[in-house]
């Protein structure tokens, strides 16, 4: 409600001010990032004072708030704050100061927040569409770029198709159970299993796996990530993953808890396919954003395999994984922001040749982040992947674990190849000068690197909260 009220006030002011005839219809080119961050920070602090011992429902049961939803709401707001904080200077330098930018970002956050707390399929669909429409606009925000236009059209067409699958699945749920409420469907589904409901679950899972960018529904992700602006790519690859993962877990573990075995083939195929395909396809990439896109597909595969384990430990492992993934990915994109503040955006890996000669601290930070994302011990990325592998071993999925270990070792090659370019490749004409960055980006990179390096020493805070989150759901 607070976000919606802020959006109404901000929209009325922005549109009204730019439409004043006496001022000759001025263009409102002032950034509203500070106001947006203030509202989100207020909400983040307020969540800490919510009584988590009880579950609250409102709007006639359409929305439910409990510890599980509040925790992921907290992660969503913190992630958005970090994204706005590190991209603020980059957006200003690139003159992306149209008031519509912050409004669309805020609308998408509102849609994600509603997805997190919704308790029936009708409100879920409306919230998903609100979030999706904002993403289609963000993908095409740079109107002068043909690549952005192409990315937006592909995203819109394929996203509309996935929304159709999602809506058709919800229709089958209503035809099977006569209700759209999560709680009512859970009670009816525990009494009997319906073939039509099972088909609806397949359509629902397919649509969610598409939005997550998991194999074989990842065909849109690489082109959209590569064609969009770098700050939009950072937003797409981090913020939505939190909520999409949380509500997918909630629906499969609570609403259709008795049907989990029937979805095992889809989940294990999608998870393994994501890791294997992305690990091999990324070897041939020469553009930095496409490399990041395939890395996202691989990490999504780990999250899907965590859901496949279907246990309290797997929910804990997925929670730890998604939080560390967001931290590492935002830090990587912060370095890309840093490189593009005083230069044209560097698109190719070869542009980073011998970076250590021009800025050793940035090259070292980049290398440590790449090693963490690859899962090299003792960095935080290793621990997140280890949690997923231990869950698979606890369920006796030894063959799946071995396959993941093999292809994760293959994936280390393209991370190490980029480190080789940073430190051990001779000078190239395509290299760029890497000067000092902004305080926002540098402070965030320093803090996140400290967490990534020292995570294994004191992981208790994240582990305890993830365990409580998993228990509260079950």
Protein backbone atom coordinates (compact mmCIF):
# COMPACT_ATOMS: atom_id res chain seq x y z
CA UNK A 1 0.00 0.00 0.00
CA UNK A 2 2.85 2.38 0.78
CA UNK A 3 4.56 1.66 -2.56
CA UNK A 4 1.26 2.09 -4.43
CA UNK A 5 0.55 5.39 -2.66
CA UNK A 6 4.05 6.64 -3.48
CA UNK A 7 3.57 5.66 -7.12
CA UNK A 8 0.25 7.52 -7.34
CA UNK A 9 1.76 10.70 -5.87
CA UNK A 10 4.94 10.47 -7.95
CA UNK A 11 3.05 9.79 -11.18
CA UNK A 12 0.58 12.64 -10.62
CA UNK A 13 3.40 15.08 -9.84
CA UNK A 14 5.62 14.03 -12.75
CA UNK A 15 2.89 13.96 -15.37
CA UNK A 16 1.20 17.09 -14.01
CA UNK A 17 4.38 19.15 -13.87
CA UNK A 18 5.45 18.20 -17.39
CA UNK A 19 1.99 19.15 -18.68
CA UNK A 20 1.87 22.75 -17.40
CA UNK A 21 1.11 25.00 -20.35
CA UNK A 22 2.42 28.15 -18.65
CA UNK A 23 5.86 26.56 -18.42
CA UNK A 24 5.73 25.51 -22.08
CA UNK A 25 5.30 21.83 -21.17
CA UNK A 26 8.75 21.32 -19.60
CA UNK A 27 10.55 17.99 -19.79
CA UNK A 28 11.04 16.56 -16.32
CA UNK A 29 14.61 15.28 -16.51
CA UNK A 30 15.39 15.04 -12.81
CA UNK A 31 16.18 11.70 -11.23
CA UNK A 32 13.81 10.47 -8.54
CA UNK A 33 16.11 7.72 -7.27
CA UNK A 34 16.68 9.31 -3.85
CA UNK A 35 12.96 9.49 -3.07
CA UNK A 36 12.47 5.90 -4.22
CA UNK A 37 15.36 4.71 -2.05
CA UNK A 38 13.94 6.57 0.96
CA UNK A 39 10.53 4.87 0.59
CA UNK A 40 12.11 1.43 0.17
CA UNK A 41 14.44 1.98 3.12
CA UNK A 42 11.47 2.95 5.31
CA UNK A 43 9.66 -0.22 4.30
CA UNK A 44 12.76 -2.35 4.91
CA UNK A 45 13.13 -1.00 8.46
CA UNK A 46 9.40 -1.41 9.16
CA UNK A 47 9.52 -5.12 8.26
CA UNK A 48 11.92 -5.67 11.15
CA UNK A 49 9.18 -4.62 13.62
CA UNK A 50 6.47 -6.94 12.29
CA UNK A 51 5.19 -9.65 14.66
CA UNK A 52 6.21 -12.84 12.86
CA UNK A 53 4.48 -15.16 15.35
CA UNK A 54 1.16 -14.78 13.54
CA UNK A 55 -0.04 -14.92 9.94
CA UNK A 56 -2.04 -11.96 8.63
CA UNK A 57 -4.53 -12.09 5.77
CA UNK A 58 -6.28 -9.16 4.14
CA UNK A 59 -8.34 -8.24 1.06
CA UNK A 60 -10.69 -11.17 1.75
CA UNK A 61 -7.84 -13.67 1.94
CA UNK A 62 -6.26 -12.69 -1.38
CA UNK A 63 -3.02 -11.72 0.38
CA UNK A 64 -1.25 -13.40 3.30
CA UNK A 65 1.71 -12.10 5.31
CA UNK A 66 3.81 -14.41 7.50
CA UNK A 67 7.47 -14.93 8.32
CA UNK A 68 8.17 -16.65 5.00
CA UNK A 69 6.73 -13.85 2.87
CA UNK A 70 8.17 -11.13 5.12
CA UNK A 71 11.67 -12.59 4.86
CA UNK A 72 11.62 -12.61 1.08
CA UNK A 73 9.99 -9.17 1.07
CA UNK A 74 12.95 -8.00 3.14
CA UNK A 75 15.42 -9.58 0.69
CA UNK A 76 13.56 -7.99 -2.24
CA UNK A 77 13.70 -4.49 -0.73
CA UNK A 78 17.36 -4.83 0.30
CA UNK A 79 18.32 -6.07 -3.16
CA UNK A 80 16.48 -3.19 -4.81
CA UNK A 81 18.12 -0.68 -2.51
CA UNK A 82 21.56 -2.08 -3.38
CA UNK A 83 20.74 -1.98 -7.09
CA UNK A 84 19.54 1.64 -6.96
CA UNK A 85 22.52 2.62 -4.82
CA UNK A 86 25.20 1.21 -7.13
CA UNK A 87 23.48 2.24 -10.40
CA UNK A 88 22.58 5.80 -9.34
CA UNK A 89 25.79 7.41 -10.57
CA UNK A 90 25.88 5.28 -13.71
CA UNK A 91 22.32 6.29 -14.60
CA UNK A 92 23.20 9.94 -14.04
CA UNK A 93 26.34 9.81 -16.20
CA UNK A 94 24.50 8.05 -19.02
CA UNK A 95 21.71 10.68 -18.72
CA UNK A 96 18.99 8.12 -18.05
CA UNK A 97 17.22 10.65 -15.85
CA UNK A 98 13.72 10.50 -17.31
CA UNK A 99 11.20 10.29 -14.48
CA UNK A 100 9.62 7.24 -16.16
CA UNK A 101 12.70 5.12 -15.34
CA UNK A 102 12.21 5.19 -11.55
CA UNK A 103 8.44 4.89 -11.93
CA UNK A 104 8.71 1.71 -14.00
CA UNK A 105 11.26 0.26 -11.60
CA UNK A 106 8.91 1.03 -8.70
CA UNK A 107 5.92 -0.47 -10.50
CA UNK A 108 7.87 -3.67 -11.12
CA UNK A 109 8.84 -3.83 -7.42
CA UNK A 110 5.15 -3.41 -6.54
CA UNK A 111 4.28 -6.33 -8.82
CA UNK A 112 6.99 -8.52 -7.29
CA UNK A 113 5.89 -7.61 -3.76
CA UNK A 114 2.30 -8.58 -4.62
CA UNK A 115 3.46 -11.88 -6.12
CA UNK A 116 5.22 -12.65 -2.85
CA UNK A 117 2.16 -12.23 -0.61
CA UNK A 118 -0.69 -13.30 -2.92
CA UNK A 119 -2.76 -16.30 -1.80
CA UNK A 120 -4.89 -17.07 -4.84
CA UNK A 121 -4.21 -17.56 -8.52
CA UNK A 122 -6.22 -14.58 -9.76
CA UNK A 123 -4.20 -11.99 -7.82
CA UNK A 124 -1.06 -13.94 -8.69
CA UNK A 125 -1.76 -13.61 -12.41
CA UNK A 126 -2.52 -9.88 -12.15
CA UNK A 127 0.68 -9.29 -10.17
CA UNK A 128 2.74 -11.31 -12.67
CA UNK A 129 1.33 -9.28 -15.54
CA UNK A 130 2.08 -5.99 -13.74
CA UNK A 131 5.68 -7.07 -13.26
CA UNK A 132 5.99 -8.43 -16.82
CA UNK A 133 4.64 -5.29 -18.51
CA UNK A 134 7.18 -3.19 -16.64
CA UNK A 135 9.98 -5.51 -17.76
CA UNK A 136 8.91 -5.28 -21.41
CA UNK A 137 9.17 -1.48 -21.22
CA UNK A 138 12.52 -1.58 -19.42
CA UNK A 139 13.98 -3.90 -22.06
CA UNK A 140 13.23 -1.27 -24.74
CA UNK A 141 14.02 1.79 -22.64
CA UNK A 142 16.86 2.93 -24.89
CA UNK A 143 14.70 3.93 -27.85
CA UNK A 144 17.67 4.87 -30.05
CA UNK A 145 19.18 1.38 -29.94
CA UNK A 146 18.11 -1.29 -32.41
CA UNK A 147 19.41 -3.96 -30.05
CA UNK A 148 17.09 -2.74 -27.28
CA UNK A 149 14.13 -2.73 -29.65
CA UNK A 150 14.93 -6.27 -30.76
CA UNK A 151 15.35 -7.44 -27.15
CA UNK A 152 12.05 -5.86 -26.12
CA UNK A 153 10.09 -7.39 -29.02
CA UNK A 154 11.50 -10.87 -28.35
CA UNK A 155 10.80 -10.52 -24.65
CA UNK A 156 7.25 -9.29 -25.27
CA UNK A 157 6.30 -12.04 -27.74
CA UNK A 158 7.77 -14.91 -25.73
CA UNK A 159 6.59 -13.38 -22.44
CA UNK A 160 3.03 -13.12 -23.77
CA UNK A 161 3.21 -16.79 -24.76
CA UNK A 162 4.36 -17.80 -21.27
CA UNK A 163 1.61 -15.67 -19.71
CA UNK A 164 -0.89 -17.57 -21.84
CA UNK A 165 0.46 -20.87 -20.52
CA UNK A 166 0.25 -19.52 -16.98
CA UNK A 167 -3.35 -18.38 -17.40
CA UNK A 168 -4.37 -21.68 -19.03
CA UNK A 169 -2.87 -23.56 -16.09
CA UNK A 170 -4.86 -21.43 -13.64
CA UNK A 171 -8.01 -22.13 -15.67
CA UNK A 172 -7.41 -25.87 -15.32
CA UNK A 173 -6.95 -25.42 -11.56
CA UNK A 174 -10.31 -23.69 -11.28
CA UNK A 175 -12.00 -26.32 -13.47
CA UNK A 176 -10.54 -29.10 -11.30
CA UNK A 177 -11.10 -27.69 -7.80
CA UNK A 178 -13.79 -25.02 -8.25
CA UNK A 179 -11.67 -22.45 -6.42
CA UNK A 180 -8.57 -20.31 -6.96
CA UNK A 181 -7.52 -20.01 -3.30
CA UNK A 182 -4.22 -21.67 -2.34
CA UNK A 183 -5.58 -22.91 0.98
CA UNK A 184 -8.74 -24.41 -0.53
CA UNK A 185 -6.84 -26.11 -3.35
CA UNK A 186 -4.38 -27.55 -0.81
CA UNK A 187 -7.21 -29.15 1.16
CA UNK A 188 -8.98 -30.57 -1.90
CA UNK A 189 -5.76 -31.77 -3.51
CA UNK A 190 -4.87 -33.72 -0.36
CA UNK A 191 -8.07 -35.80 -0.78
CA UNK A 192 -7.79 -36.77 -4.45
CA UNK A 193 -5.52 -36.28 -7.45
CA UNK A 194 -7.01 -34.95 -10.67
CA UNK A 195 -5.46 -35.41 -14.12
CA UNK A 196 -6.62 -31.98 -15.24
CA UNK A 197 -4.96 -30.39 -12.22
CA UNK A 198 -1.75 -32.26 -13.02
CA UNK A 199 -1.77 -30.87 -16.57
CA UNK A 200 -2.41 -27.42 -15.11
CA UNK A 201 0.65 -27.83 -12.87
CA UNK A 202 2.76 -28.67 -15.93
CA UNK A 203 1.64 -25.47 -17.66
CA UNK A 204 2.23 -23.48 -14.49
CA UNK A 205 5.71 -24.93 -13.95
CA UNK A 206 6.64 -24.34 -17.59
CA UNK A 207 5.62 -20.67 -17.35
CA UNK A 208 7.58 -20.15 -14.12
CA UNK A 209 10.67 -21.91 -15.49
CA UNK A 210 10.43 -19.62 -18.52
CA UNK A 211 10.40 -16.52 -16.34
CA UNK A 212 13.31 -17.89 -14.31
CA UNK A 213 15.25 -18.52 -17.53
CA UNK A 214 15.76 -22.23 -16.97
CA UNK A 215 16.54 -24.77 -19.71
CA UNK A 216 14.90 -25.38 -22.20
CA UNK A 217 12.88 -22.18 -21.73
CA UNK A 218 15.89 -19.87 -21.72
CA UNK A 219 15.78 -18.90 -25.41
CA UNK A 220 14.80 -15.30 -24.63
CA UNK A 221 17.25 -14.65 -21.84
CA UNK A 222 20.56 -14.27 -23.69
CA UNK A 223 19.20 -11.94 -26.37
CA UNK A 224 17.29 -9.80 -23.86
CA UNK A 225 20.27 -9.52 -21.50
CA UNK A 226 22.64 -8.67 -24.34
CA UNK A 227 20.33 -6.15 -26.02
CA UNK A 228 19.18 -4.26 -22.93
CA UNK A 229 21.15 -1.51 -21.21
CA UNK A 230 23.67 -2.77 -18.67
CA UNK A 231 21.73 -1.43 -15.66
CA UNK A 232 18.53 -3.09 -16.90
CA UNK A 233 20.42 -6.35 -17.40
CA UNK A 234 21.64 -6.12 -13.79
CA UNK A 235 18.06 -5.59 -12.64
CA UNK A 236 16.68 -8.51 -14.69
CA UNK A 237 19.35 -10.96 -13.54
CA UNK A 238 18.96 -10.36 -9.80
CA UNK A 239 15.80 -8.76 -8.37
CA UNK A 240 13.02 -10.92 -9.95
CA UNK A 241 14.81 -14.19 -9.14
CA UNK A 242 14.12 -13.78 -5.41
CA UNK A 243 10.35 -13.56 -5.64
CA UNK A 244 9.92 -15.98 -8.54
CA UNK A 245 11.85 -18.58 -6.56
CA UNK A 246 9.93 -17.92 -3.32
CA UNK A 247 6.44 -18.23 -4.76
CA UNK A 248 7.42 -21.26 -6.91
CA UNK A 249 8.61 -22.99 -3.74
CA UNK A 250 5.44 -21.96 -1.89
CA UNK A 251 3.10 -23.28 -4.58
CA UNK A 252 4.92 -26.59 -5.09
CA UNK A 253 5.64 -27.30 -1.41
CA UNK A 254 2.31 -26.16 0.03
CA UNK A 255 -0.45 -26.13 -2.56
CA UNK A 256 0.68 -29.23 -4.46
CA UNK A 257 2.82 -30.90 -1.82
CA UNK A 258 1.34 -34.31 -2.64
CA UNK A 259 2.31 -34.05 -6.31
CA UNK A 260 6.00 -33.29 -5.91
CA UNK A 261 7.08 -36.75 -7.11
CA UNK A 262 5.15 -36.22 -10.34
CA UNK A 263 7.20 -33.09 -11.10
CA UNK A 264 10.58 -34.59 -10.34
CA UNK A 265 11.32 -35.44 -13.97
CA UNK A 266 10.55 -31.91 -15.16
CA UNK A 267 12.59 -30.28 -12.39
CA UNK A 268 15.64 -32.55 -12.67
CA UNK A 269 15.64 -32.29 -16.48
CA UNK A 270 15.38 -28.52 -16.39
CA UNK A 271 17.99 -28.15 -13.64
CA UNK A 272 20.55 -30.50 -15.15
CA UNK A 273 19.92 -29.14 -18.64
CA UNK A 274 20.52 -25.59 -17.44
CA UNK A 275 23.87 -26.46 -15.86
CA UNK A 276 25.10 -28.67 -18.70
CA UNK A 277 23.97 -26.45 -21.58
CA UNK A 278 25.12 -23.16 -20.02
CA UNK A 279 28.50 -24.60 -19.03
CA UNK A 280 29.22 -25.64 -22.63
CA UNK A 281 27.57 -22.71 -24.46
CA UNK A 282 29.41 -20.11 -22.38
CA UNK A 283 32.75 -21.43 -23.61
CA UNK A 284 32.12 -19.85 -27.02
CA UNK A 285 30.96 -16.42 -25.85
CA UNK A 286 32.97 -13.29 -26.62
CA UNK A 287 30.57 -10.68 -25.22
CA UNK A 288 30.55 -9.98 -21.49
CA UNK A 289 26.76 -9.72 -21.10
CA UNK A 290 26.09 -12.96 -22.95
CA UNK A 291 28.63 -14.65 -20.68
CA UNK A 292 26.73 -13.28 -17.68
CA UNK A 293 23.45 -14.51 -19.20
CA UNK A 294 24.71 -18.09 -19.51
CA UNK A 295 26.07 -17.84 -15.99
CA UNK A 296 22.57 -16.89 -14.85
CA UNK A 297 21.11 -19.93 -16.62
CA UNK A 298 23.61 -22.18 -14.84
CA UNK A 299 22.82 -20.71 -11.42
CA UNK A 300 19.09 -21.08 -12.11
CA UNK A 301 19.75 -24.77 -12.70
CA UNK A 302 21.19 -25.10 -9.19
CA UNK A 303 18.10 -23.41 -7.73
CA UNK A 304 15.74 -25.71 -9.66
CA UNK A 305 17.65 -28.76 -8.45
CA UNK A 306 17.32 -27.42 -4.91
CA UNK A 307 13.54 -27.36 -5.37
CA UNK A 308 13.76 -30.88 -6.83
CA UNK A 309 15.12 -32.19 -3.50
CA UNK A 310 11.80 -31.13 -1.82
CA UNK A 311 12.88 -30.96 1.83
CA UNK A 312 13.40 -28.41 4.57
CA UNK A 313 17.14 -28.53 3.94
CA UNK A 314 16.60 -27.83 0.25
CA UNK A 315 14.52 -24.70 1.03
CA UNK A 316 17.33 -23.56 3.33
CA UNK A 317 19.91 -24.26 0.62
CA UNK A 318 17.89 -22.37 -2.03
CA UNK A 319 17.50 -19.39 0.31
CA UNK A 320 21.24 -19.24 1.02
CA UNK A 321 22.02 -19.70 -2.67
CA UNK A 322 19.74 -16.95 -3.97
CA UNK A 323 20.98 -14.38 -1.45
CA UNK A 324 24.65 -15.06 -2.17
CA UNK A 325 23.93 -15.15 -5.91
CA UNK A 326 22.31 -11.70 -5.78
CA UNK A 327 25.23 -10.32 -3.79
CA UNK A 328 27.85 -11.70 -6.19
CA UNK A 329 25.94 -10.73 -9.34
CA UNK A 330 25.26 -7.17 -8.19
CA UNK A 331 28.93 -6.78 -7.34
CA UNK A 332 29.97 -8.04 -10.78
CA UNK A 333 27.63 -5.58 -12.45
CA UNK A 334 28.95 -2.85 -10.17
CA UNK A 335 32.36 -3.39 -11.75
CA UNK A 336 30.75 -3.14 -15.18
CA UNK A 337 29.08 0.12 -14.09
CA UNK A 338 32.49 1.33 -12.94
CA UNK A 339 34.02 0.59 -16.33
CA UNK A 340 31.30 2.44 -18.21
CA UNK A 341 31.13 5.64 -16.17
CA UNK A 342 33.97 7.43 -17.98
CA UNK A 343 34.00 5.29 -21.13
CA UNK A 344 31.70 3.73 -23.67
CA UNK A 345 30.28 0.48 -22.33
CA UNK A 346 32.73 -2.37 -22.90
CA UNK A 347 30.90 -5.21 -24.65
CA UNK A 348 33.66 -7.71 -25.41
CA UNK A 349 35.91 -9.79 -23.20
CA UNK A 350 38.99 -8.65 -25.10
CA UNK A 351 38.34 -5.08 -23.92
CA UNK A 352 39.46 -6.14 -20.44
CA UNK A 353 42.94 -7.13 -21.64
CA UNK A 354 45.70 -6.45 -19.06
CA UNK A 355 43.35 -4.59 -16.75
CA UNK A 356 45.72 -5.18 -13.83
CA UNK A 357 48.25 -2.78 -15.42
CA UNK A 358 45.72 0.08 -15.35
CA UNK A 359 43.86 -0.64 -12.13
CA UNK A 360 45.19 -3.55 -10.10
CA UNK A 361 42.61 -3.31 -7.29
CA UNK A 362 39.68 -3.54 -9.70
CA UNK A 363 41.29 -6.45 -11.55
CA UNK A 364 41.87 -8.28 -8.25
CA UNK A 365 38.26 -7.66 -7.16
CA UNK A 366 37.00 -8.89 -10.53
CA UNK A 367 39.09 -12.06 -10.26
CA UNK A 368 37.90 -12.85 -6.72
CA UNK A 369 34.28 -12.40 -7.78
CA UNK A 370 34.75 -14.68 -10.78
CA UNK A 371 36.32 -17.35 -8.58
CA UNK A 372 33.43 -17.07 -6.13
CA UNK A 373 30.82 -17.35 -8.88
CA UNK A 374 32.66 -20.39 -10.22
CA UNK A 375 32.42 -22.01 -6.78
CA UNK A 376 36.09 -22.08 -5.81
CA UNK A 377 36.67 -22.61 -2.04
CA UNK A 378 36.83 -20.94 0.42
CA UNK A 379 34.69 -18.17 -1.13
CA UNK A 380 30.96 -17.76 -0.56
CA UNK A 381 29.98 -19.15 -3.98
CA UNK A 382 31.52 -22.49 -3.05
CA UNK A 383 29.37 -22.76 0.07
CA UNK A 384 26.12 -22.01 -1.78
CA UNK A 385 26.79 -24.73 -4.36
CA UNK A 386 27.91 -27.13 -1.63
CA UNK A 387 24.54 -26.74 0.13
CA UNK A 388 22.69 -27.81 -3.04
CA UNK A 389 25.03 -30.77 -3.62
CA UNK A 390 24.62 -31.96 -0.01
CA UNK A 391 20.83 -31.86 -0.40
CA UNK A 392 21.09 -34.00 -3.53
CA UNK A 393 23.36 -36.49 -1.77
CA UNK A 394 20.98 -36.68 1.20
CA UNK A 395 18.27 -37.81 -1.24
CA UNK A 396 20.66 -40.38 -2.79
CA UNK A 397 20.88 -38.59 -6.15
CA UNK A 398 24.53 -39.55 -6.57
CA UNK A 399 24.52 -39.62 -10.39
CA UNK A 400 22.97 -36.13 -10.59
CA UNK A 401 25.60 -34.84 -8.15
CA UNK A 402 28.46 -36.32 -10.20
CA UNK A 403 27.12 -34.79 -13.43
CA UNK A 404 26.83 -31.37 -11.74
CA UNK A 405 30.39 -31.63 -10.40
CA UNK A 406 31.75 -32.46 -13.87
CA UNK A 407 29.98 -29.64 -15.68
CA UNK A 408 30.73 -27.16 -12.89
CA UNK A 409 34.40 -27.98 -13.44
CA UNK A 410 33.93 -27.28 -17.16
CA UNK A 411 32.22 -23.98 -16.29
CA UNK A 412 35.29 -22.93 -14.32
CA UNK A 413 37.15 -22.69 -17.61
CA UNK A 414 35.33 -19.62 -18.93
CA UNK A 415 35.67 -17.85 -15.59
CA UNK A 416 39.40 -18.62 -15.48
CA UNK A 417 39.70 -17.57 -19.14
CA UNK A 418 38.43 -14.11 -18.20
CA UNK A 419 40.93 -13.98 -15.32
CA UNK A 420 43.64 -14.89 -17.85
CA UNK A 421 42.53 -11.94 -20.00
CA UNK A 422 42.68 -9.64 -16.97
CA UNK A 423 46.20 -10.60 -15.88
CA UNK A 424 48.10 -12.64 -18.45
CA UNK A 425 47.09 -11.40 -21.92
CA UNK A 426 49.31 -8.91 -23.70
CA UNK A 427 48.13 -5.39 -24.50
CA UNK A 428 45.47 -4.93 -27.13
CA UNK A 429 44.25 -1.95 -29.16
CA UNK A 430 40.73 -2.61 -27.87
CA UNK A 431 41.59 -2.08 -24.21
CA UNK A 432 40.24 0.95 -22.33
CA UNK A 433 41.38 3.23 -19.55
CA UNK A 434 39.94 2.33 -16.16
CA UNK A 435 40.01 5.31 -13.83
CA UNK A 436 38.58 6.03 -10.42
CA UNK A 437 34.92 5.28 -9.79
CA UNK A 438 32.25 6.76 -7.59
CA UNK A 439 32.01 6.37 -3.84
CA UNK A 440 28.69 4.52 -4.11
CA UNK A 441 30.06 1.77 -6.33
CA UNK A 442 33.44 1.49 -4.60
CA UNK A 443 31.94 1.23 -1.10
CA UNK A 444 29.44 -1.43 -2.20
CA UNK A 445 32.15 -3.47 -3.93
CA UNK A 446 34.37 -3.29 -0.85
CA UNK A 447 31.58 -4.37 1.50
CA UNK A 448 30.32 -7.20 -0.68
CA UNK A 449 33.84 -8.52 -1.31
CA UNK A 450 34.43 -8.61 2.44
CA UNK A 451 31.28 -10.68 2.90
CA UNK A 452 32.16 -13.02 0.03
CA UNK A 453 35.69 -13.64 1.28
CA UNK A 454 34.88 -13.95 4.99
CA UNK A 455 31.47 -15.66 4.68
CA UNK A 456 32.69 -19.09 5.73
CA UNK A 457 34.03 -17.66 9.00
CA UNK A 458 30.66 -16.36 10.25
CA UNK A 459 27.78 -17.73 8.15
CA UNK A 460 25.44 -18.11 11.14
CA UNK A 461 23.23 -15.07 10.56
CA UNK A 462 22.23 -16.12 7.04
CA UNK A 463 21.98 -19.81 7.97
CA UNK A 464 19.75 -19.19 10.99
CA UNK A 465 17.36 -16.95 9.07
CA UNK A 466 17.17 -19.42 6.16
CA UNK A 467 16.43 -22.32 8.54
CA UNK A 468 13.63 -20.36 10.22
CA UNK A 469 12.26 -19.43 6.79
CA UNK A 470 12.22 -23.07 5.69
CA UNK A 471 10.53 -24.22 8.91
CA UNK A 472 7.91 -21.46 8.73
CA UNK A 473 6.88 -22.63 5.25
CA UNK A 474 6.54 -26.29 6.17
